[in-house]
Every structure is written in C-alpha cells, then in structure tokens.
Amino acid sequence: MERGLGGRDTQQLRGSGPARTNGGRCCTMKFLTPQNLAAAIIGRGGLVIREIEKSTNAILGVSKAHEVFPTSDSRVLTASADEPAALDEVVNYVLEKVTDVAARTSPEPRGDGNNL
C-alpha cells in the first residue's frame, strides 16, 4: 500500500485500487480537472497538494495522468474531510489554481480593450 500525504495510506484514495475510500472522513467531493490544473494542484514534488492538505485538514488525491474520467481527458481530484467547511477551503484553493492556470494560458488581449 502506498504511503504519502503525511504518512497516511493513500492507495485507494488516489484511485489505484478497485475500491475507493474517503479515508474514514465523512465528507467527500470530486472535481474533474484538466492535466494542467491537476499539475498546478499537485505542485512540484507534491508541495502544493501537501500545503493544501495541511492548511485545510483534508485529504486530497489526484488520479494518475493516464487514469482519466470516461469520455474525457480530465483527471479526478478527490477531497475528503471531517467537516464541510474544510471542503469549502479546498474549493477556494482549487478556484485560486483555476485562476492562476487561466492567467498563464490565456492569450494576451489585443486592441484597446473596448471591443466586445
């Protein structure tokens, strides 16, 4: 069994086993994330995802790059916590990363900004 994210067992949460579990937490939510967003949430060497877990007291897992949601190219981000408020915090972190990724990948605006 894989150990990670603060020494917790993460094999099933990360989607590498047939049965999935929420780590004994009462609240779970899942997001579909494109590859570039998943990479931003994980961060270099897993630093970002560990920081999110530490600050929210949630357990996060991201499916492997080749394990995408059926009929999509999106990976699955699973977040589990003891309290709904912790998942609210996770959502805020994810939205922050969406904004960061969008800013990095959006083309520069052209013109004077008055064109709608």
Protein backbone atom coordinates (compact mmCIF):
# COMPACT_ATOMS: atom_id res chain seq x y z
CA MET A 1 0.00 0.00 0.00
CA GLU A 2 1.29 3.42 -0.94
CA ARG A 3 2.12 5.81 1.88
CA GLY A 4 2.05 9.52 1.39
CA LEU A 5 0.50 12.82 2.30
CA GLY A 6 1.58 12.89 5.89
CA GLY A 7 2.15 9.13 6.17
CA ARG A 8 -1.49 8.20 5.52
CA ASP A 9 -2.48 5.24 3.40
CA THR A 10 -3.40 6.71 0.03
CA GLN A 11 -3.63 3.79 -2.38
CA GLN A 12 -7.40 3.64 -2.55
CA LEU A 13 -7.98 7.39 -2.26
CA ARG A 14 -5.69 8.01 -5.21
CA GLY A 15 -7.68 5.62 -7.34
CA SER A 16 -5.10 2.88 -7.75
CA GLY A 17 -7.29 0.16 -6.26
CA PRO A 18 -10.67 -1.15 -7.35
CA ALA A 19 -12.50 0.10 -4.26
CA ARG A 20 -12.27 3.74 -3.36
CA THR A 21 -12.44 5.08 0.14
CA ASN A 22 -12.59 8.54 1.69
CA GLY A 23 -10.07 7.67 4.38
CA GLY A 24 -12.78 7.42 7.04
CA ARG A 25 -13.79 11.04 6.51
CA CYS A 26 -17.49 11.95 6.48
CA CYS A 27 -17.42 14.44 3.61
CA THR A 28 -16.08 13.85 0.11
CA MET A 29 -16.21 15.76 -3.15
CA LYS A 30 -14.71 15.13 -6.55
CA PHE A 31 -13.61 17.51 -9.29
CA LEU A 32 -12.76 16.84 -12.91
CA THR A 33 -9.52 18.62 -13.68
CA PRO A 34 -7.64 19.04 -16.95
CA GLN A 35 -4.00 17.98 -16.85
CA ASN A 36 -2.59 21.50 -16.43
CA LEU A 37 -4.86 22.18 -13.44
CA ALA A 38 -4.03 18.82 -11.86
CA ALA A 39 -0.33 19.63 -12.22
CA ALA A 40 -0.84 23.04 -10.58
CA ILE A 41 -2.74 21.48 -7.66
CA ILE A 42 -0.08 18.80 -7.13
CA GLY A 43 2.82 21.23 -7.49
CA ARG A 44 6.48 20.43 -7.90
CA GLY A 45 7.26 17.34 -5.86
CA GLY A 46 3.77 17.40 -4.33
CA LEU A 47 4.47 20.57 -2.36
CA VAL A 48 1.23 22.37 -3.25
CA ILE A 49 -1.11 19.45 -2.55
CA ARG A 50 0.60 18.84 0.81
CA GLU A 51 0.22 22.51 1.72
CA ILE A 52 -3.48 22.43 0.81
CA GLU A 53 -3.94 19.32 2.94
CA LYS A 54 -2.09 20.85 5.86
CA SER A 55 -4.00 24.14 5.80
CA THR A 56 -7.45 22.60 5.24
CA ASN A 57 -7.12 19.37 7.25
CA ALA A 58 -8.45 17.49 4.22
CA ILE A 59 -7.06 14.52 2.33
CA LEU A 60 -6.59 15.11 -1.39
CA GLY A 61 -5.88 12.64 -4.13
CA VAL A 62 -5.44 13.08 -7.87
CA SER A 63 -5.81 10.24 -10.34
CA LYS A 64 -2.72 9.28 -12.31
CA ALA A 65 -2.18 11.03 -15.64
CA HIS A 66 -3.43 8.03 -17.62
CA GLU A 67 -6.45 7.48 -15.33
CA VAL A 68 -8.96 9.94 -16.73
CA PHE A 69 -12.70 10.19 -16.30
CA PRO A 70 -14.53 8.18 -19.00
CA THR A 71 -15.14 10.01 -22.29
CA SER A 72 -12.94 12.91 -21.17
CA ASP A 73 -9.32 13.84 -20.82
CA SER A 74 -9.84 15.06 -17.25
CA ARG A 75 -8.21 13.62 -14.17
CA VAL A 76 -10.19 13.16 -10.96
CA LEU A 77 -9.35 15.19 -7.85
CA THR A 78 -10.88 13.73 -4.69
CA ALA A 79 -11.05 15.72 -1.46
CA SER A 80 -12.22 14.22 1.85
CA ALA A 81 -12.57 15.90 5.22
CA ASP A 82 -14.29 15.59 8.57
CA GLU A 83 -16.10 18.92 8.20
CA PRO A 84 -17.86 20.52 5.22
CA ALA A 85 -16.02 23.78 6.00
CA ALA A 86 -12.72 22.07 5.19
CA LEU A 87 -14.06 21.17 1.75
CA ASP A 88 -15.12 24.80 1.28
CA GLU A 89 -11.48 25.75 1.86
CA VAL A 90 -10.35 23.14 -0.67
CA VAL A 91 -12.76 24.64 -3.22
CA ASN A 92 -11.21 28.06 -2.60
CA TYR A 93 -7.71 26.67 -3.23
CA VAL A 94 -8.89 24.93 -6.42
CA LEU A 95 -10.53 28.13 -7.68
CA GLU A 96 -7.32 30.03 -6.97
CA LYS A 97 -5.41 27.49 -9.06
CA VAL A 98 -8.01 27.73 -11.86
CA THR A 99 -7.42 31.48 -11.94
CA ASP A 100 -3.62 31.01 -11.96
CA VAL A 101 -3.74 28.44 -14.77
CA ALA A 102 -6.16 30.55 -16.82
CA ALA A 103 -3.94 33.62 -16.46
CA ARG A 104 -0.90 31.63 -17.63
CA THR A 105 -2.63 30.02 -20.60
CA SER A 106 -4.90 32.83 -21.83
CA PRO A 107 -3.73 34.77 -24.87
CA GLU A 108 -2.85 38.39 -24.33
CA PRO A 109 -5.78 40.73 -25.05
CA ARG A 110 -5.46 42.65 -28.31
CA GLY A 111 -6.55 46.15 -29.08
CA ASP A 112 -7.61 48.88 -26.71
CA GLY A 113 -9.99 46.75 -24.65
CA ASN A 114 -13.11 48.49 -26.00
CA ASN A 115 -14.01 45.71 -28.40
CA LEU A 116 -16.73 43.41 -27.11
